[in-house]
Each structure stands twice: as structure tokens, then as C-alpha cells.
C-alpha atoms as a PDB file:
ATOM      1  CA  MET A   1     160.342 115.751   6.074  1.00  0.00           C
ATOM      2  CA  ILE A   2     159.077 116.437   9.594  1.00  0.00           C
ATOM      3  CA  GLU A   3     159.982 113.507  11.827  1.00  0.00           C
ATOM      4  CA  ARG A   4     160.985 115.089  15.135  1.00  0.00           C
ATOM      5  CA  ILE A   5     158.992 117.946  16.608  1.00  0.00           C
ATOM      6  CA  GLY A   6     160.170 120.303  19.309  1.00  0.00           C
ATOM      7  CA  VAL A   7     157.777 122.098  21.657  1.00  0.00           C
ATOM      8  CA  ILE A   8     159.209 125.173  23.378  1.00  0.00           C
ATOM      9  CA  GLY A   9     157.163 125.715  26.525  1.00  0.00           C
ATOM     10  CA  GLY A  10     156.289 123.241  29.257  1.00  0.00           C
ATOM     11  CA  GLY A  11     152.977 124.665  30.440  1.00  0.00           C
ATOM     12  CA  ALA A  12     149.603 122.978  30.018  1.00  0.00           C
ATOM     13  CA  TRP A  13     149.143 124.027  26.383  1.00  0.00           C
ATOM     14  CA  GLY A  14     152.682 123.083  25.389  1.00  0.00           C
ATOM     15  CA  THR A  15     152.275 119.705  27.064  1.00  0.00           C
ATOM     16  CA  ALA A  16     148.949 119.082  25.332  1.00  0.00           C
ATOM     17  CA  LEU A  17     150.508 119.927  21.952  1.00  0.00           C
ATOM     18  CA  ALA A  18     153.442 117.634  22.681  1.00  0.00           C
ATOM     19  CA  GLN A  19     150.944 114.853  23.347  1.00  0.00           C
ATOM     20  CA  VAL A  20     149.250 115.549  20.005  1.00  0.00           C
ATOM     21  CA  ALA A  21     152.575 115.609  18.153  1.00  0.00           C
ATOM     22  CA  ALA A  22     153.717 112.352  19.771  1.00  0.00           C
ATOM     23  CA  SER A  23     150.502 110.490  19.061  1.00  0.00           C
ATOM     24  CA  LYS A  24     151.697 109.375  15.620  1.00  0.00           C
ATOM     25  CA  GLY A  25     154.656 107.524  17.068  1.00  0.00           C
ATOM     26  CA  HIS A  26     157.478 110.016  16.514  1.00  0.00           C
ATOM     27  CA  GLU A  27     159.650 111.461  19.249  1.00  0.00           C
ATOM     28  CA  THR A  28     158.582 114.863  20.528  1.00  0.00           C
ATOM     29  CA  LEU A  29     160.984 117.011  22.521  1.00  0.00           C
ATOM     30  CA  ILE A  30     159.492 119.521  24.970  1.00  0.00           C
ATOM     31  CA  TRP A  31     161.506 122.275  26.604  1.00  0.00           C
ATOM     32  CA  ALA A  32     160.598 123.537  30.064  1.00  0.00           C
ATOM     33  CA  ARG A  33     162.389 126.044  32.246  1.00  0.00           C
ATOM     34  CA  GLU A  34     161.401 124.324  35.504  1.00  0.00           C
ATOM     35  CA  PRO A  35     163.523 121.280  36.487  1.00  0.00           C
ATOM     36  CA  GLU A  36     160.541 119.733  38.265  1.00  0.00           C
ATOM     37  CA  VAL A  37     158.527 119.754  35.035  1.00  0.00           C
ATOM     38  CA  VAL A  38     161.350 118.082  33.103  1.00  0.00           C
ATOM     39  CA  ALA A  39     161.752 115.443  35.823  1.00  0.00           C
ATOM     40  CA  SER A  40     158.019 114.782  36.046  1.00  0.00           C
ATOM     41  CA  ILE A  41     157.641 114.242  32.295  1.00  0.00           C
ATOM     42  CA  ASN A  42     160.725 112.052  31.931  1.00  0.00           C
ATOM     43  CA  GLN A  43     160.237 109.966  35.062  1.00  0.00           C
ATOM     44  CA  MET A  44     156.439 109.707  35.370  1.00  0.00           C
ATOM     45  CA  HIS A  45     155.209 110.584  31.843  1.00  0.00           C
ATOM     46  CA  GLU A  46     153.085 113.328  33.376  1.00  0.00           C
ATOM     47  CA  ASN A  47     153.376 117.079  33.747  1.00  0.00           C
ATOM     48  CA  ALA A  48     152.352 117.055  37.386  1.00  0.00           C
ATOM     49  CA  VAL A  49     152.846 120.825  37.680  1.00  0.00           C
ATOM     50  CA  TYR A  50     150.720 122.148  34.813  1.00  0.00           C
ATOM     51  CA  LEU A  51     148.671 119.213  33.511  1.00  0.00           C
ATOM     52  CA  PRO A  52     148.290 116.792  36.428  1.00  0.00           C
ATOM     53  CA  GLY A  53     146.515 113.482  36.006  1.00  0.00           C
ATOM     54  CA  ARG A  54     147.097 113.171  32.253  1.00  0.00           C
ATOM     55  CA  LEU A  55     149.388 110.291  31.222  1.00  0.00           C
ATOM     56  CA  LEU A  56     151.677 111.334  28.376  1.00  0.00           C
ATOM     57  CA  SER A  57     153.017 109.282  25.514  1.00  0.00           C
ATOM     58  CA  PRO A  58     156.446 107.706  26.122  1.00  0.00           C
ATOM     59  CA  ASN A  59     157.444 109.506  22.915  1.00  0.00           C
ATOM     60  CA  VAL A  60     157.352 112.837  24.789  1.00  0.00           C
ATOM     61  CA  VAL A  61     160.811 113.610  26.160  1.00  0.00           C
ATOM     62  CA  ALA A  62     161.547 116.743  28.200  1.00  0.00           C
ATOM     63  CA  THR A  63     164.676 118.864  28.363  1.00  0.00           C
ATOM     64  CA  SER A  64     165.852 122.175  29.794  1.00  0.00           C
ATOM     65  CA  ASP A  65     168.554 122.469  27.118  1.00  0.00           C
ATOM     66  CA  LEU A  66     167.439 124.522  24.127  1.00  0.00           C
ATOM     67  CA  SER A  67     170.484 123.450  22.114  1.00  0.00           C
ATOM     68  CA  GLN A  68     168.834 120.053  21.637  1.00  0.00           C
ATOM     69  CA  PHE A  69     166.250 121.700  19.392  1.00  0.00           C
ATOM     70  CA  ASP A  70     168.834 121.887  16.648  1.00  0.00           C
ATOM     71  CA  GLY A  71     167.841 118.298  15.885  1.00  0.00           C
ATOM     72  CA  CYS A  72     164.105 119.004  15.529  1.00  0.00           C
ATOM     73  CA  ASP A  73     162.442 119.358  12.129  1.00  0.00           C
ATOM     74  CA  ALA A  74     159.759 121.824  13.298  1.00  0.00           C
ATOM     75  CA  TRP A  75     159.279 123.935  16.403  1.00  0.00           C
ATOM     76  CA  LEU A  76     156.029 124.692  18.190  1.00  0.00           C
ATOM     77  CA  VAL A  77     156.557 127.840  20.274  1.00  0.00           C
ATOM     78  CA  VAL A  78     154.283 127.921  23.316  1.00  0.00           C
ATOM     79  CA  THR A  79     156.037 130.371  25.640  1.00  0.00           C
ATOM     80  CA  PRO A  80     154.208 133.306  27.242  1.00  0.00           C
ATOM     81  CA  ALA A  81     154.031 136.074  24.646  1.00  0.00           C
ATOM     82  CA  GLN A  82     156.233 138.500  26.558  1.00  0.00           C
ATOM     83  CA  HIS A  83     159.039 135.939  26.868  1.00  0.00           C
ATOM     84  CA  MET A  84     158.968 134.566  23.337  1.00  0.00           C
ATOM     85  CA  ARG A  85     161.667 136.859  21.922  1.00  0.00           C
ATOM     86  CA  GLY A  86     164.086 136.125  24.754  1.00  0.00           C
ATOM     87  CA  VAL A  87     163.611 132.360  24.533  1.00  0.00           C
ATOM     88  CA  LEU A  88     164.057 132.287  20.760  1.00  0.00           C
ATOM     89  CA  GLU A  89     167.215 134.382  21.085  1.00  0.00           C
ATOM     90  CA  GLN A  90     168.651 131.690  23.387  1.00  0.00           C
ATOM     91  CA  ALA A  91     167.717 128.839  21.035  1.00  0.00           C
ATOM     92  CA  PRO A  92     169.789 127.578  18.093  1.00  0.00           C
ATOM     93  CA  VAL A  93     169.354 129.377  14.780  1.00  0.00           C
ATOM     94  CA  CYS A  94     166.039 128.168  13.348  1.00  0.00           C
ATOM     95  CA  THR A  95     165.705 127.540   9.630  1.00  0.00           C
ATOM     96  CA  ARG A  96     162.762 125.170  10.039  1.00  0.00           C
ATOM     97  CA  PRO A  97     158.978 125.628  10.269  1.00  0.00           C
ATOM     98  CA  LEU A  98     158.289 127.750  13.346  1.00  0.00           C
ATOM     99  CA  ILE A  99     154.692 127.388  14.515  1.00  0.00           C
ATOM    100  CA  LEU A 100     153.600 130.053  17.002  1.00  0.00           C
ATOM    101  CA  CYS A 101     151.033 128.745  19.489  1.00  0.00           C
ATOM    102  CA  SER A 102     151.167 131.637  21.977  1.00  0.00           C
ATOM    103  CA  LYS A 103     148.620 134.459  21.963  1.00  0.00           C
ATOM    104  CA  GLY A 104     149.397 138.081  22.631  1.00  0.00           C
ATOM    105  CA  ILE A 105     151.183 141.229  21.482  1.00  0.00           C
ATOM    106  CA  GLU A 106     154.733 142.031  22.542  1.00  0.00           C
ATOM    107  CA  GLU A 107     154.384 144.858  25.039  1.00  0.00           C
ATOM    108  CA  ARG A 108     157.661 146.666  24.454  1.00  0.00           C
ATOM    109  CA  SER A 109     157.471 146.758  20.644  1.00  0.00           C
ATOM    110  CA  GLY A 110     153.719 146.607  20.015  1.00  0.00           C
ATOM    111  CA  GLN A 111     154.373 143.877  17.447  1.00  0.00           C
ATOM    112  CA  LEU A 112     152.318 140.797  16.692  1.00  0.00           C
ATOM    113  CA  LEU A 113     154.292 137.684  17.571  1.00  0.00           C
ATOM    114  CA  ASN A 114     154.856 136.607  13.971  1.00  0.00           C
ATOM    115  CA  HIS A 115     156.806 139.837  13.399  1.00  0.00           C
ATOM    116  CA  VAL A 116     158.861 139.178  16.531  1.00  0.00           C
ATOM    117  CA  ALA A 117     159.631 135.636  15.365  1.00  0.00           C
ATOM    118  CA  ARG A 118     160.646 136.837  11.899  1.00  0.00           C
ATOM    119  CA  GLU A 119     163.062 139.333  13.452  1.00  0.00           C
ATOM    120  CA  VAL A 120     164.726 136.684  15.614  1.00  0.00           C
ATOM    121  CA  CYS A 121     164.493 133.800  13.111  1.00  0.00           C
ATOM    122  CA  PRO A 122     164.561 135.408   9.643  1.00  0.00           C
ATOM    123  CA  ASP A 123     165.226 132.110   7.857  1.00  0.00           C
ATOM    124  CA  ALA A 124     162.354 130.183   9.455  1.00  0.00           C
ATOM    125  CA  SER A 125     158.966 129.561   7.854  1.00  0.00           C
ATOM    126  CA  VAL A 126     156.713 131.246  10.436  1.00  0.00           C
ATOM    127  CA  MET A 127     153.142 130.066  10.991  1.00  0.00           C
ATOM    128  CA  VAL A 128     150.420 130.672  13.573  1.00  0.00           C
ATOM    129  CA  LEU A 129     148.307 127.912  15.147  1.00  0.00           C
ATOM    130  CA  SER A 130     145.296 129.360  16.946  1.00  0.00           C
ATOM    131  CA  GLY A 131     141.726 128.566  17.844  1.00  0.00           C
ATOM    132  CA  PRO A 132     139.302 127.688  20.648  1.00  0.00           C
ATOM    133  CA  THR A 133     141.300 125.275  22.788  1.00  0.00           C
ATOM    134  CA  PHE A 134     141.478 124.269  26.419  1.00  0.00           C
ATOM    135  CA  ALA A 135     144.657 122.282  27.042  1.00  0.00           C
ATOM    136  CA  HIS A 136     143.088 119.618  29.252  1.00  0.00           C
ATOM    137  CA  GLU A 137     140.521 118.778  26.567  1.00  0.00           C
ATOM    138  CA  VAL A 138     143.140 118.559  23.816  1.00  0.00           C
ATOM    139  CA  ALA A 139     145.354 116.328  25.965  1.00  0.00           C
ATOM    140  CA  ALA A 140     142.353 114.069  26.621  1.00  0.00           C
ATOM    141  CA  GLY A 141     141.755 113.665  22.884  1.00  0.00           C
ATOM    142  CA  MET A 142     138.464 115.550  22.881  1.00  0.00           C
ATOM    143  CA  PRO A 143     137.367 117.086  19.532  1.00  0.00           C
ATOM    144  CA  THR A 144     139.102 120.375  18.714  1.00  0.00           C
ATOM    145  CA  ALA A 145     139.395 122.527  15.595  1.00  0.00           C
ATOM    146  CA  LEU A 146     142.034 125.188  14.921  1.00  0.00           C
ATOM    147  CA  THR A 147     143.396 127.496  12.246  1.00  0.00           C
ATOM    148  CA  LEU A 148     146.938 127.151  10.918  1.00  0.00           C
ATOM    149  CA  ALA A 149     147.836 130.416   9.171  1.00  0.00           C
ATOM    150  CA  ALA A 150     150.926 130.717   6.995  1.00  0.00           C
ATOM    151  CA  GLY A 151     152.224 132.532   3.967  1.00  0.00           C
ATOM    152  CA  ASP A 152     153.705 129.290   2.627  1.00  0.00           C
ATOM    153  CA  GLN A 153     150.635 127.111   2.125  1.00  0.00           C
ATOM    154  CA  ARG A 154     152.637 124.152   0.844  1.00  0.00           C
ATOM    155  CA  MET A 155     154.665 124.064   4.045  1.00  0.00           C
ATOM    156  CA  ALA A 156     151.506 124.593   6.100  1.00  0.00           C
ATOM    157  CA  GLU A 157     149.948 121.537   4.453  1.00  0.00           C
ATOM    158  CA  HIS A 158     153.035 119.536   5.368  1.00  0.00           C
ATOM    159  CA  VAL A 159     152.776 120.658   9.002  1.00  0.00           C
ATOM    160  CA  ARG A 160     149.059 119.880   9.078  1.00  0.00           C
ATOM    161  CA  GLU A 161     149.727 116.325   7.872  1.00  0.00           C
ATOM    162  CA  ARG A 162     152.186 115.898  10.736  1.00  0.00           C
ATOM    163  CA  LEU A 163     149.920 117.275  13.483  1.00  0.00           C
ATOM    164  CA  ALA A 164     146.310 116.680  12.465  1.00  0.00           C
ATOM    165  CA  LEU A 165     144.237 113.912  14.045  1.00  0.00           C
ATOM    166  CA  PRO A 166     140.549 113.028  13.659  1.00  0.00           C
ATOM    167  CA  SER A 167     140.025 114.764  17.018  1.00  0.00           C
ATOM    168  CA  PHE A 168     142.489 117.601  16.256  1.00  0.00           C
ATOM    169  CA  ARG A 169     141.249 119.220  13.048  1.00  0.00           C
ATOM    170  CA  ILE A 170     143.356 121.896  11.404  1.00  0.00           C
ATOM    171  CA  TYR A 171     142.016 124.354   8.816  1.00  0.00           C
ATOM    172  CA  LEU A 172     144.517 126.262   6.678  1.00  0.00           C
ATOM    173  CA  SER A 173     144.564 130.008   6.093  1.00  0.00           C
ATOM    174  CA  ASP A 174     147.003 132.509   4.628  1.00  0.00           C
ATOM    175  CA  ASP A 175     145.774 135.306   6.941  1.00  0.00           C
ATOM    176  CA  VAL A 176     148.509 135.301   9.587  1.00  0.00           C
ATOM    177  CA  ALA A 177     147.529 138.721  10.963  1.00  0.00           C
ATOM    178  CA  GLY A 178     143.902 137.670  11.347  1.00  0.00           C
ATOM    179  CA  ALA A 179     144.793 134.502  13.236  1.00  0.00           C
ATOM    180  CA  GLU A 180     147.048 136.447  15.590  1.00  0.00           C
ATOM    181  CA  VAL A 181     144.736 139.390  16.244  1.00  0.00           C
ATOM    182  CA  GLY A 182     141.867 137.121  17.231  1.00  0.00           C
ATOM    183  CA  GLY A 183     143.973 135.211  19.723  1.00  0.00           C
ATOM    184  CA  ALA A 184     145.399 138.361  21.292  1.00  0.00           C
ATOM    185  CA  VAL A 185     142.261 140.505  21.567  1.00  0.00           C
ATOM    186  CA  LYS A 186     139.997 137.734  22.873  1.00  0.00           C
ATOM    187  CA  ASN A 187     142.133 137.417  26.015  1.00  0.00           C
ATOM    188  CA  VAL A 188     141.387 141.015  26.995  1.00  0.00           C
ATOM    189  CA  LEU A 189     137.684 140.626  26.241  1.00  0.00           C
ATOM    190  CA  ALA A 190     137.595 137.440  28.337  1.00  0.00           C
ATOM    191  CA  ILE A 191     138.713 139.460  31.361  1.00  0.00           C
ATOM    192  CA  ALA A 192     135.762 141.789  30.789  1.00  0.00           C
ATOM    193  CA  CYS A 193     133.368 138.841  30.539  1.00  0.00           C
ATOM    194  CA  GLY A 194     134.800 137.446  33.756  1.00  0.00           C
ATOM    195  CA  VAL A 195     134.026 140.755  35.460  1.00  0.00           C
ATOM    196  CA  VAL A 196     130.410 140.439  34.285  1.00  0.00           C
ATOM    197  CA  GLU A 197     130.269 136.948  35.791  1.00  0.00           C
ATOM    198  CA  GLY A 198     131.930 137.953  39.058  1.00  0.00           C
ATOM    199  CA  LYS A 199     129.636 140.946  39.419  1.00  0.00           C
ATOM    200  CA  GLY A 200     126.564 138.799  38.765  1.00  0.00           C
ATOM    201  CA  LEU A 201     125.307 140.887  35.844  1.00  0.00           C
ATOM    202  CA  GLY A 202     123.718 137.964  33.998  1.00  0.00           C
ATOM    203  CA  GLN A 203     123.905 136.165  30.680  1.00  0.00           C
ATOM    204  CA  ASN A 204     122.317 139.001  28.674  1.00  0.00           C
ATOM    205  CA  ALA A 205     125.165 141.298  29.638  1.00  0.00           C
ATOM    206  CA  ARG A 206     127.799 138.717  28.758  1.00  0.00           C
ATOM    207  CA  ALA A 207     126.256 138.052  25.344  1.00  0.00           C
ATOM    208  CA  ALA A 208     126.142 141.774  24.624  1.00  0.00           C
ATOM    209  CA  LEU A 209     129.742 142.186  25.726  1.00  0.00           C
ATOM    210  CA  ILE A 210     130.900 139.326  23.472  1.00  0.00           C
ATOM    211  CA  ALA A 211     129.119 140.870  20.489  1.00  0.00           C
ATOM    212  CA  ARG A 212     130.413 144.378  21.105  1.00  0.00           C
ATOM    213  CA  GLY A 213     133.860 143.001  21.916  1.00  0.00           C
ATOM    214  CA  PHE A 214     133.881 141.187  18.605  1.00  0.00           C
ATOM    215  CA  ALA A 215     133.164 144.517  16.917  1.00  0.00           C
ATOM    216  CA  GLU A 216     136.273 145.933  18.619  1.00  0.00           C
ATOM    217  CA  MET A 217     138.319 142.913  17.550  1.00  0.00           C
ATOM    218  CA  THR A 218     137.143 143.382  13.980  1.00  0.00           C
ATOM    219  CA  ARG A 219     137.998 147.086  13.884  1.00  0.00           C
ATOM    220  CA  PHE A 220     141.481 146.436  15.203  1.00  0.00           C
ATOM    221  CA  GLY A 221     142.028 143.413  12.983  1.00  0.00           C
ATOM    222  CA  LEU A 222     141.077 145.232   9.797  1.00  0.00           C
ATOM    223  CA  ALA A 223     143.509 148.005  10.711  1.00  0.00           C
ATOM    224  CA  CYS A 224     146.231 145.323  10.980  1.00  0.00           C
ATOM    225  CA  GLY A 225     145.440 143.900   7.550  1.00  0.00           C
ATOM    226  CA  ALA A 226     143.319 140.968   8.753  1.00  0.00           C
ATOM    227  CA  ARG A 227     140.295 139.693   6.850  1.00  0.00           C
ATOM    228  CA  LYS A 228     136.771 139.698   8.269  1.00  0.00           C
ATOM    229  CA  GLU A 229     136.217 136.018   7.523  1.00  0.00           C
ATOM    230  CA  THR A 230     139.286 135.058   9.553  1.00  0.00           C
ATOM    231  CA  LEU A 231     138.128 137.140  12.510  1.00  0.00           C
ATOM    232  CA  ALA A 232     134.705 135.484  12.260  1.00  0.00           C
ATOM    233  CA  GLY A 233     136.305 132.019  12.225  1.00  0.00           C
ATOM    234  CA  LEU A 234     137.941 129.651  14.677  1.00  0.00           C
ATOM    235  CA  SER A 235     140.869 131.864  15.671  1.00  0.00           C
ATOM    236  CA  GLY A 236     138.648 134.912  16.213  1.00  0.00           C
ATOM    237  CA  LEU A 237     135.001 134.543  17.139  1.00  0.00           C
ATOM    238  CA  GLY A 238     135.366 130.848  17.952  1.00  0.00           C
ATOM    239  CA  ASP A 239     138.160 131.462  20.439  1.00  0.00           C
ATOM    240  CA  LEU A 240     136.357 134.508  21.821  1.00  0.00           C
ATOM    241  CA  VAL A 241     133.190 132.552  22.642  1.00  0.00           C
ATOM    242  CA  LEU A 242     135.134 129.763  24.376  1.00  0.00           C
ATOM    243  CA  THR A 243     137.379 132.039  26.410  1.00  0.00           C
ATOM    244  CA  CYS A 244     134.521 134.293  27.489  1.00  0.00           C
ATOM    245  CA  SER A 245     132.378 131.443  28.785  1.00  0.00           C
ATOM    246  CA  SER A 246     134.364 129.302  31.212  1.00  0.00           C
ATOM    247  CA  THR A 247     136.488 129.521  34.337  1.00  0.00           C
ATOM    248  CA  SER A 248     138.854 127.092  32.587  1.00  0.00           C
ATOM    249  CA  SER A 249     140.048 130.276  30.884  1.00  0.00           C
ATOM    250  CA  ARG A 250     142.784 131.991  32.902  1.00  0.00           C
ATOM    251  CA  ASN A 251     141.683 135.386  31.615  1.00  0.00           C
ATOM    252  CA  PHE A 252     138.002 134.813  32.389  1.00  0.00           C
ATOM    253  CA  SER A 253     138.818 133.644  35.915  1.00  0.00           C
ATOM    254  CA  LEU A 254     141.022 136.715  36.447  1.00  0.00           C
ATOM    255  CA  GLY A 255     138.117 138.963  35.460  1.00  0.00           C
ATOM    256  CA  LYS A 256     135.739 136.985  37.652  1.00  0.00           C
ATOM    257  CA  GLY A 257     137.981 137.653  40.627  1.00  0.00           C
ATOM    258  CA  LEU A 258     138.022 141.365  39.789  1.00  0.00           C
ATOM    259  CA  GLY A 259     134.230 141.374  39.583  1.00  0.00           C
ATOM    260  CA  GLU A 260     134.081 139.741  42.990  1.00  0.00           C
ATOM    261  CA  GLY A 261     136.101 142.589  44.472  1.00  0.00           C
ATOM    262  CA  LEU A 262     139.643 141.225  44.565  1.00  0.00           C
ATOM    263  CA  SER A 263     142.537 143.372  43.369  1.00  0.00           C
ATOM    264  CA  ALA A 264     144.453 142.686  40.169  1.00  0.00           C
ATOM    265  CA  ALA A 265     147.731 142.568  42.116  1.00  0.00           C
ATOM    266  CA  THR A 266     146.389 139.896  44.467  1.00  0.00           C
ATOM    267  CA  LEU A 267     144.930 137.803  41.672  1.00  0.00           C
ATOM    268  CA  MET A 268     148.076 137.971  39.546  1.00  0.00           C
ATOM    269  CA  SER A 269     150.406 137.132  42.431  1.00  0.00           C
ATOM    270  CA  ASP A 270     148.444 133.986  43.241  1.00  0.00           C
ATOM    271  CA  ARG A 271     148.656 132.609  39.716  1.00  0.00           C
ATOM    272  CA  GLN A 272     151.000 129.866  38.639  1.00  0.00           C
ATOM    273  CA  THR A 273     150.063 130.406  34.991  1.00  0.00           C
ATOM    274  CA  VAL A 274     149.911 133.595  32.956  1.00  0.00           C
ATOM    275  CA  ALA A 275     146.712 135.457  32.070  1.00  0.00           C
ATOM    276  CA  GLU A 276     148.025 136.978  28.835  1.00  0.00           C
ATOM    277  CA  GLY A 277     145.170 139.465  28.599  1.00  0.00           C
ATOM    278  CA  ALA A 278     146.585 141.401  31.537  1.00  0.00           C
ATOM    279  CA  PHE A 279     149.752 142.098  29.535  1.00  0.00           C
ATOM    280  CA  THR A 280     147.970 142.588  26.223  1.00  0.00           C
ATOM    281  CA  ALA A 281     145.425 145.159  27.493  1.00  0.00           C
ATOM    282  CA  PRO A 282     147.785 148.149  27.901  1.00  0.00           C
ATOM    283  CA  VAL A 283     149.657 147.625  24.628  1.00  0.00           C
ATOM    284  CA  LEU A 284     146.424 146.954  22.745  1.00  0.00           C
ATOM    285  CA  ARG A 285     144.929 150.158  24.112  1.00  0.00           C
ATOM    286  CA  ARG A 286     148.067 152.079  23.187  1.00  0.00           C
ATOM    287  CA  LEU A 287     148.000 150.771  19.629  1.00  0.00           C
ATOM    288  CA  ALA A 288     144.278 151.488  19.296  1.00  0.00           C
ATOM    289  CA  ASP A 289     144.759 155.062  20.504  1.00  0.00           C
ATOM    290  CA  GLN A 290     147.666 155.595  18.108  1.00  0.00           C
ATOM    291  CA  ARG A 291     145.572 154.385  15.174  1.00  0.00           C
ATOM    292  CA  GLY A 292     142.336 156.099  16.177  1.00  0.00           C
ATOM    293  CA  ILE A 293     140.450 152.806  16.721  1.00  0.00           C
ATOM    294  CA  ASP A 294     137.527 152.907  19.143  1.00  0.00           C
ATOM    295  CA  MET A 295     137.960 150.070  21.683  1.00  0.00           C
ATOM    296  CA  PRO A 296     136.059 151.089  24.842  1.00  0.00           C
ATOM    297  CA  ILE A 297     135.940 147.596  26.378  1.00  0.00           C
ATOM    298  CA  VAL A 298     139.689 147.166  25.979  1.00  0.00           C
ATOM    299  CA  ALA A 299     140.247 150.619  27.507  1.00  0.00           C
ATOM    300  CA  ALA A 300     137.963 149.742  30.431  1.00  0.00           C
ATOM    301  CA  VAL A 301     139.873 146.516  31.134  1.00  0.00           C
ATOM    302  CA  ASP A 302     143.167 148.412  31.013  1.00  0.00           C
ATOM    303  CA  ASP A 303     141.858 151.011  33.483  1.00  0.00           C
ATOM    304  CA  LEU A 304     140.601 148.297  35.803  1.00  0.00           C
ATOM    305  CA  LEU A 305     143.841 146.301  35.785  1.00  0.00           C
ATOM    306  CA  ALA A 306     145.917 149.442  36.328  1.00  0.00           C
ATOM    307  CA  GLY A 307     143.752 150.475  39.289  1.00  0.00           C
ATOM    308  CA  ARG A 308     142.672 153.739  37.673  1.00  0.00           C
ATOM    309  CA  CYS A 309     138.993 152.831  38.021  1.00  0.00           C
ATOM    310  CA  SER A 310     136.886 150.536  40.158  1.00  0.00           C
ATOM    311  CA  VAL A 311     134.596 147.890  38.691  1.00  0.00           C
ATOM    312  CA  ASP A 312     131.566 150.089  39.336  1.00  0.00           C
ATOM    313  CA  GLU A 313     133.202 153.098  37.680  1.00  0.00           C
ATOM    314  CA  VAL A 314     134.145 151.032  34.622  1.00  0.00           C
ATOM    315  CA  LEU A 315     130.602 149.689  34.294  1.00  0.00           C
ATOM    316  CA  GLU A 316     129.104 153.155  34.661  1.00  0.00           C
ATOM    317  CA  SER A 317     131.437 154.472  31.965  1.00  0.00           C
ATOM    318  CA  LEU A 318     130.504 151.721  29.513  1.00  0.00           C
ATOM    319  CA  LEU A 319     126.770 151.882  30.192  1.00  0.00           C
ATOM    320  CA  SER A 320     126.654 155.665  29.843  1.00  0.00           C
ATOM    321  CA  ARG A 321     128.213 155.718  26.376  1.00  0.00           C
ATOM    322  CA  PRO A 322     125.923 157.456  23.853  1.00  0.00           C
ATOM    323  CA  PRO A 323     123.928 155.140  21.568  1.00  0.00           C
ATOM    324  CA  ARG A 324     125.217 154.625  18.048  1.00  0.00           C
ATOM    325  CA  PRO A 325     124.471 152.496  14.976  1.00  0.00           C
ATOM    326  CA  GLU A 326     125.395 148.861  15.649  1.00  0.00           C
ATOM    327  CA  ALA A 327     127.662 148.652  12.615  1.00  0.00           C
ATOM    328  CA  HIS A 328     130.044 151.242  14.135  1.00  0.00           C
END
């Protein structure tokens, strides 16, 4: 029975999920590394650092002590992708449902996050919660739909009953790889769409980039064992469209700054929150090259972030590619 939920990660998305989990009247414990976040949540019922202006349920309690998660019946993991392994290694041994809400690929190992979680927590029931979500909208109770992917569908149904609300709809899937690939690849493509916006190339160009980017996502996903219908669903195409269309997306706004002529180093140093696509791009390109998967947009974003090419050189390279059948 899931009565007490723990949320590992005190950023905007973790805070929004804690608000969702607490809305049914049960205590929700949220872990944050920053003392000021813990103090803000416990004293003012607000995450003034990452989600200012949103009053949180009194059932949300913050801590900086991971050992307290031993008393939680399910964990939502919302850390930045590159820190997930390290945080889980510091936490108590998890034998409970472990719901991954971060999006990315571990850079050093090239693994999807569900594989990382299974290595660190082999006795946990690992699931992936992913879809088109902006944290401030979820925290405000605005309508949202997501995919919960798990091998154990009975346990996934139990988790859905604990988290789902009329405004927070959860659809079940057993395609864990598909749910993860969509969430990881779309962050890189959102940077590219931001470049299009910052460069003032118009809506036609952005629509074309989304469509061709989705083709890259599909090629990579199929190579990872994902199913086409998952990639065309909420955690794939749905998340891609949202992230590629708004400056509320950290990745899109990073790309927009690049298109406007700012350097990646400057843009990244000014950010309080993480644009995961910047870390996913090089490992995604490496994996694509190793597997012989054609991903020119991903490669272009990697070149741009690494400073190997300018925005104009990247655009010239993409626009000069030879024509080919659309299905390829």
C-alpha cells in the first residue's frame, strides 16, 4: 500500500510532483540539496527558489536527509540525469516502486536512466513517468497527461491510483525504453528549435525541424527496442511538440540564446536550472555514431554546443544535405 511518497529532487518539477502527490491528503517528503529550498518549503509552504508564487500543500515536507526516505512507500526520482546515480547511491536501499521522472541519458555510461536505476537499486520496481509537462502548469492544477511505463503493470496501476487526478491523467505502457528515449531526445531537438527561433527563421522552419527531428527520435528509439506507437505518443511526439514551442522550456530558451548570438558557455553559466539537452547531445551523438544511426540535427546541436561550428555553419550544413525520401 502506497501511503507516503518521497520525491528526490527539489527543483520546479520535483516540487510540482510533490504537490500532486500531496493533493490526496497523504504526507509527501521532498528531498532538496539546497538548505534554502528546504527552509522555504517547511516555513512558507513555497519553493521560493525554483517555483516561486505557488502555495504548496501543508502535506509537503522537505528534508536534506536522504535516510528519511527509508520510510516512504514509493520514490519519485527527479534529479538531473547526470546526478541520478550518485544520489541513489547515497540513499537507503530501495526495494519499493522507483518512478523515474528525469529525462536524459547518463553521459559516462551511455545508459538510459532505467538501466542506471536498476544497477543501483536492483530490488526496486523501476518505472518511467514522462510526457509533455511544464512544472508551473502542473503545480497550478492545469490539465496534463503523461505516460507511466513499467514492466510490472499491476504495480504501475497501483502507482497510477496513488498519483492520478482529473487534471493529472496517467496512461500506462509497458514500453519503458520508448518512454525514456522520447524524453531524452526531445531535449536536444528543442535546442535546435530554439536556434530557429533565435535566428528568426520562421514557423515553417520550426515545423520542418520538429518533423525531421521526430524521424531521428524514431530511428534511435527503434534501435533501442522502443515501439513506434510509444514514440508517437505523449512521452515522444507530445513532449517534443511542447518543448520545441515555448521559452518555458529550458532547452528551447538555451537554443534561442544561441540563435541570438550568445555563447553556450555564457548561457549555461547564467542558468540556475539544468538544460538536460546540453548534456544529452554529445552522448546521444556518440551512441548514434556507434550504431550507424543517421541523426544530423543531433550532430549539429552537439557541434554548436561544443563550439566546433557557428550557427550559420550548422544551418548551412543542414540545408545543403542531399534530398532523400521522407521515410528515411
